[in-house]
Amino acid sequence: MKIHLALQLCLLTCISLVADISKGSDKPPNMPPQQEIHDCVKRFTALDASFTIENAEIVSLSELNIPFLTRQIKDQTGIRVRLTPGKIKWGPPLTGIEDPYVRHFTVYLDADAKRIFAVTSRLAERSPDIHAELSPEEAERRLRATGAIYDSFPMADPKISFLEALETMRQSSIANPPLAQEIDGFYIMYGSLDLSDGTFRQKPHPVWIINLRGLPPREFHNPYLEGGSSHKQPPAWRRNSTRDIVDAVTGKWIVGYTDR
């Protein structure tokens, strides 16, 4: 009788363990310690001088809007870190110049708080002169037409931070990050193809892709349209955004684009 009872208890215990394992497979990964999340955000963004962590939670990375790569991460989870609203403290020669906007930054990390995927900044209210971002599919179609590809997310850490990439843009590009109302920074492997034969002109390497929106609209000049009613400025949303690429290893500005 005792042996029979022991066998029953053992069987019940095994069934319970199997049930717990089954349930556990549906549970989201455990959140890393707050200090690890803080250290990762500080190391990869350098925004800690102006912002602190407001909250962090495990989310589906499908909410990230990144051409080529959304499909790769749509079934993955990561950590979405929201920072307290604040203003960026810009370095020289803008030291002491107040940021014109109170920014709401969000940082996306992997589930272990070891890698960074993206940094986004929004204002409390969106200007009507800013159109929503293109869908990942449409953005990918346009990028492919130029030979550009976003290959994957780097496994190695960036050598320069998100804020350093913005500073590089400010010094080297026509873009002016302090005046942008919205900022997206994607840490990716970027390459370019020769459209004639499909070979790499530039093999994928780690970069910061920086998209700015809500800049003061650029003046559009076309000598063929001077004078008369035909010379009209395109809508502001066609003239207030830029896309720049900064090498995440060397810190050098690679190229910038102004057309939507």
Protein backbone atom coordinates (compact mmCIF):
# COMPACT_ATOMS: atom_id res chain seq x y z
CA MET A 1 0.00 0.00 0.00
CA LYS A 2 2.76 2.44 0.91
CA ILE A 3 4.62 1.69 -2.33
CA HIS A 4 1.42 2.19 -4.34
CA LEU A 5 0.76 5.52 -2.59
CA ALA A 6 4.33 6.66 -3.21
CA LEU A 7 4.00 5.87 -6.90
CA GLN A 8 0.78 7.90 -7.08
CA LEU A 9 2.43 10.90 -5.40
CA CYS A 10 5.40 10.65 -7.76
CA LEU A 11 3.08 10.53 -10.78
CA LEU A 12 1.14 13.58 -9.56
CA THR A 13 4.38 15.48 -8.99
CA CYS A 14 5.59 14.73 -12.52
CA ILE A 15 2.27 15.84 -14.01
CA SER A 16 2.49 19.07 -11.99
CA LEU A 17 6.05 19.74 -13.20
CA VAL A 18 5.07 19.18 -16.83
CA ALA A 19 2.14 21.58 -16.42
CA ASP A 20 4.40 24.23 -14.86
CA ILE A 21 6.92 23.90 -17.69
CA SER A 22 4.14 24.19 -20.25
CA LYS A 23 2.81 27.33 -18.59
CA GLY A 24 6.31 28.77 -18.30
CA SER A 25 6.82 28.56 -22.06
CA ASP A 26 4.06 31.13 -22.52
CA LYS A 27 5.45 33.53 -19.96
CA PRO A 28 7.42 36.59 -21.08
CA PRO A 29 11.14 36.58 -20.23
CA ASN A 30 12.08 37.95 -16.84
CA MET A 31 13.00 41.61 -16.70
CA PRO A 32 16.74 42.15 -16.12
CA PRO A 33 17.71 44.16 -13.02
CA GLN A 34 16.99 47.88 -13.24
CA GLN A 35 20.69 48.71 -12.92
CA GLU A 36 21.54 46.61 -15.98
CA ILE A 37 18.87 48.40 -18.01
CA HIS A 38 20.16 51.77 -16.79
CA ASP A 39 23.75 50.88 -17.68
CA CYS A 40 22.74 49.72 -21.16
CA VAL A 41 20.75 52.89 -21.88
CA LYS A 42 23.60 55.06 -20.56
CA ARG A 43 26.30 53.25 -22.55
CA PHE A 44 24.48 53.19 -25.88
CA THR A 45 22.61 56.51 -25.85
CA ALA A 46 24.63 58.87 -23.57
CA LEU A 47 21.32 60.58 -22.72
CA ASP A 48 21.75 60.07 -18.98
CA ALA A 49 22.93 63.67 -18.47
CA SER A 50 19.45 64.93 -19.34
CA PHE A 51 17.07 62.01 -18.83
CA THR A 52 16.29 59.28 -16.32
CA ILE A 53 14.31 56.06 -16.74
CA GLU A 54 10.58 56.53 -16.22
CA ASN A 55 9.57 52.91 -16.80
CA ALA A 56 10.69 49.74 -18.56
CA GLU A 57 8.62 46.81 -19.76
CA ILE A 58 8.80 43.72 -21.94
CA VAL A 59 7.04 44.35 -25.28
CA SER A 60 6.77 42.86 -28.74
CA LEU A 61 9.38 44.36 -31.03
CA SER A 62 6.81 44.33 -33.83
CA GLU A 63 5.94 47.90 -32.80
CA LEU A 64 9.28 49.07 -34.23
CA ASN A 65 8.92 50.52 -37.72
CA ILE A 66 12.22 49.64 -39.45
CA PRO A 67 12.48 48.87 -43.18
CA PHE A 68 13.81 45.36 -44.01
CA LEU A 69 14.07 44.40 -40.33
CA THR A 70 10.51 44.49 -39.00
CA ARG A 71 9.96 40.98 -40.38
CA GLN A 72 13.04 39.72 -38.53
CA ILE A 73 11.85 40.89 -35.12
CA LYS A 74 8.05 40.71 -35.36
CA ASP A 75 7.96 37.54 -33.22
CA GLN A 76 10.60 38.69 -30.74
CA THR A 77 10.25 40.48 -27.44
CA GLY A 78 12.50 43.19 -26.09
CA ILE A 79 12.59 45.93 -23.48
CA ARG A 80 10.93 49.26 -24.15
CA VAL A 81 12.45 51.92 -21.89
CA ARG A 82 10.65 55.24 -21.60
CA LEU A 83 12.72 58.15 -20.30
CA THR A 84 11.39 61.09 -18.34
CA PRO A 85 10.54 64.06 -20.61
CA GLY A 86 13.37 66.55 -20.85
CA LYS A 87 15.71 68.57 -23.03
CA ILE A 88 18.98 67.41 -24.54
CA LYS A 89 22.14 69.01 -23.19
CA TRP A 90 24.08 69.64 -26.37
CA GLY A 91 27.87 69.74 -26.44
CA PRO A 92 30.18 72.40 -27.92
CA PRO A 93 29.61 74.75 -29.65
CA LEU A 94 26.01 74.64 -28.37
CA THR A 95 26.96 74.24 -24.72
CA GLY A 96 24.60 76.37 -22.68
CA ILE A 97 22.11 76.72 -25.55
CA GLU A 98 18.72 75.45 -24.44
CA ASP A 99 17.08 72.68 -26.42
CA PRO A 100 13.92 74.20 -27.98
CA TYR A 101 11.82 71.11 -27.27
CA VAL A 102 10.82 68.93 -24.34
CA ARG A 103 11.47 65.48 -25.75
CA HIS A 104 9.92 62.11 -24.92
CA PHE A 105 12.56 59.45 -25.58
CA THR A 106 11.97 55.72 -25.90
CA VAL A 107 14.82 53.22 -26.10
CA TYR A 108 14.43 49.65 -27.39
CA LEU A 109 16.78 46.98 -26.03
CA ASP A 110 16.94 43.22 -26.40
CA ALA A 111 15.29 41.12 -23.69
CA ASP A 112 18.61 40.71 -21.82
CA ALA A 113 19.49 44.43 -21.85
CA LYS A 114 22.71 43.66 -23.71
CA ARG A 115 21.99 45.16 -27.16
CA ILE A 116 20.27 48.25 -28.49
CA PHE A 117 17.93 48.32 -31.47
CA ALA A 118 16.49 51.82 -31.63
CA VAL A 119 16.00 55.21 -29.99
CA THR A 120 12.97 57.38 -30.77
CA SER A 121 11.99 60.87 -29.66
CA ARG A 122 8.60 62.53 -29.92
CA LEU A 123 6.95 65.67 -28.59
CA ALA A 124 3.82 65.59 -26.48
CA GLU A 125 1.81 66.66 -29.55
CA ARG A 126 2.61 66.07 -33.21
CA SER A 127 2.67 69.06 -35.56
CA PRO A 128 0.24 68.85 -38.50
CA ASP A 129 3.25 69.54 -40.75
CA ILE A 130 4.69 66.13 -39.87
CA HIS A 131 3.30 63.16 -41.74
CA ALA A 132 3.37 59.68 -40.26
CA GLU A 133 6.37 57.55 -41.12
CA LEU A 134 6.17 55.40 -44.22
CA SER A 135 5.19 51.79 -43.67
CA PRO A 136 8.20 49.45 -43.44
CA GLU A 137 7.16 47.89 -46.77
CA GLU A 138 6.96 51.21 -48.64
CA ALA A 139 10.18 52.49 -47.06
CA GLU A 140 11.91 49.24 -48.03
CA ARG A 141 10.67 49.54 -51.62
CA ARG A 142 12.11 53.04 -51.93
CA LEU A 143 15.41 52.07 -50.32
CA ARG A 144 15.82 49.05 -52.58
CA ALA A 145 15.42 51.33 -55.59
CA THR A 146 18.60 53.12 -54.49
CA GLY A 147 20.51 49.92 -53.71
CA ALA A 148 20.42 50.46 -49.94
CA ILE A 149 19.75 47.53 -47.63
CA TYR A 150 19.28 47.19 -43.89
CA ASP A 151 20.74 43.73 -43.40
CA SER A 152 20.36 42.94 -39.70
CA PHE A 153 21.01 44.19 -36.18
CA PRO A 154 24.71 44.23 -35.16
CA MET A 155 25.88 41.74 -32.58
CA ALA A 156 28.75 44.00 -31.50
CA ASP A 157 28.22 47.15 -29.43
CA PRO A 158 28.35 50.52 -31.20
CA LYS A 159 31.62 52.37 -30.68
CA ILE A 160 29.79 55.71 -30.62
CA SER A 161 26.58 56.48 -28.77
CA PHE A 162 23.30 57.71 -30.21
CA LEU A 163 23.98 61.23 -28.88
CA GLU A 164 27.47 61.21 -30.41
CA ALA A 165 25.90 60.28 -33.76
CA LEU A 166 23.59 63.29 -33.46
CA GLU A 167 26.57 65.51 -32.66
CA THR A 168 28.39 64.18 -35.75
CA MET A 169 25.37 65.00 -37.89
CA ARG A 170 25.18 68.50 -36.47
CA GLN A 171 28.80 69.16 -37.41
CA SER A 172 28.96 67.36 -40.78
CA SER A 173 25.48 67.26 -42.32
CA ILE A 174 23.04 69.90 -43.48
CA ALA A 175 20.61 68.38 -40.98
CA ASN A 176 20.24 70.16 -37.65
CA PRO A 177 19.14 67.69 -34.93
CA PRO A 178 18.49 70.37 -32.24
CA LEU A 179 15.73 71.81 -34.44
CA ALA A 180 14.04 68.49 -35.20
CA GLN A 181 10.74 67.78 -33.49
CA GLU A 182 11.04 64.02 -34.01
CA ILE A 183 14.13 61.82 -34.06
CA ASP A 184 14.53 58.13 -34.86
CA GLY A 185 17.84 56.35 -34.43
CA PHE A 186 18.27 52.75 -35.65
CA TYR A 187 21.44 50.78 -34.89
CA ILE A 188 21.72 48.38 -37.83
CA MET A 189 23.98 46.67 -40.35
CA TYR A 190 23.79 48.86 -43.46
CA GLY A 191 25.05 48.03 -46.93
CA SER A 192 24.48 49.00 -50.54
CA LEU A 193 24.14 47.00 -53.74
CA ASP A 194 25.18 47.66 -57.32
CA LEU A 195 21.81 47.69 -59.05
CA SER A 196 23.34 46.51 -62.32
CA ASP A 197 24.52 43.12 -61.03
CA GLY A 198 23.32 42.83 -57.41
CA THR A 199 26.83 42.68 -55.92
CA PHE A 200 27.78 44.65 -52.85
CA ARG A 201 29.17 48.12 -53.42
CA GLN A 202 29.44 48.37 -49.66
CA LYS A 203 29.21 45.32 -47.42
CA PRO A 204 26.90 45.57 -44.40
CA HIS A 205 28.58 47.30 -41.47
CA PRO A 206 27.33 48.88 -38.20
CA VAL A 207 25.79 52.33 -38.55
CA TRP A 208 23.35 54.66 -36.90
CA ILE A 209 20.50 55.54 -39.26
CA ILE A 210 19.14 58.88 -38.02
CA ASN A 211 15.78 60.12 -39.31
CA LEU A 212 14.75 63.69 -38.44
CA ARG A 213 11.25 65.12 -38.91
CA GLY A 214 9.72 68.48 -38.13
CA LEU A 215 12.75 70.56 -39.11
CA PRO A 216 12.21 74.14 -40.31
CA PRO A 217 11.06 73.58 -43.94
CA ARG A 218 13.80 74.07 -46.51
CA GLU A 219 13.22 76.52 -49.33
CA PHE A 220 12.74 74.77 -52.63
CA HIS A 221 14.49 76.46 -55.57
CA ASN A 222 14.00 75.44 -59.20
CA PRO A 223 15.26 77.87 -61.86
CA TYR A 224 12.82 76.43 -64.38
CA LEU A 225 9.87 77.39 -62.22
CA GLU A 226 10.90 80.93 -61.29
CA GLY A 227 8.07 83.44 -61.60
CA GLY A 228 4.39 82.89 -62.17
CA SER A 229 1.97 80.78 -60.23
CA SER A 230 3.77 77.57 -61.23
CA HIS A 231 6.53 78.31 -58.71
CA LYS A 232 5.01 76.87 -55.56
CA GLN A 233 6.72 75.45 -52.53
CA PRO A 234 6.02 71.73 -51.94
CA PRO A 235 4.10 71.02 -48.72
CA ALA A 236 6.10 71.46 -45.52
CA TRP A 237 6.20 67.72 -44.77
CA ARG A 238 8.18 67.21 -48.02
CA ARG A 239 10.77 69.77 -46.90
CA ASN A 240 11.18 69.17 -43.16
CA SER A 241 12.71 65.67 -42.92
CA THR A 242 16.15 64.14 -43.44
CA ARG A 243 17.84 60.73 -43.24
CA ASP A 244 21.51 60.49 -42.32
CA ILE A 245 23.92 57.61 -41.88
CA VAL A 246 26.75 57.71 -39.34
CA ASP A 247 29.39 54.98 -39.08
CA ALA A 248 28.93 53.44 -35.63
CA VAL A 249 32.56 52.27 -35.48
CA THR A 250 34.55 55.26 -36.73
CA GLY A 251 32.00 57.95 -35.84
CA LYS A 252 32.25 59.45 -39.34
CA TRP A 253 29.26 60.87 -41.16
CA ILE A 254 28.65 58.83 -44.33
CA VAL A 255 25.80 60.46 -46.23
CA GLY A 256 22.57 62.37 -45.81
CA TYR A 257 19.31 62.57 -47.76
CA THR A 258 16.69 65.29 -47.79
CA ASP A 259 13.99 63.94 -50.15
CA ARG A 260 11.04 62.11 -48.68
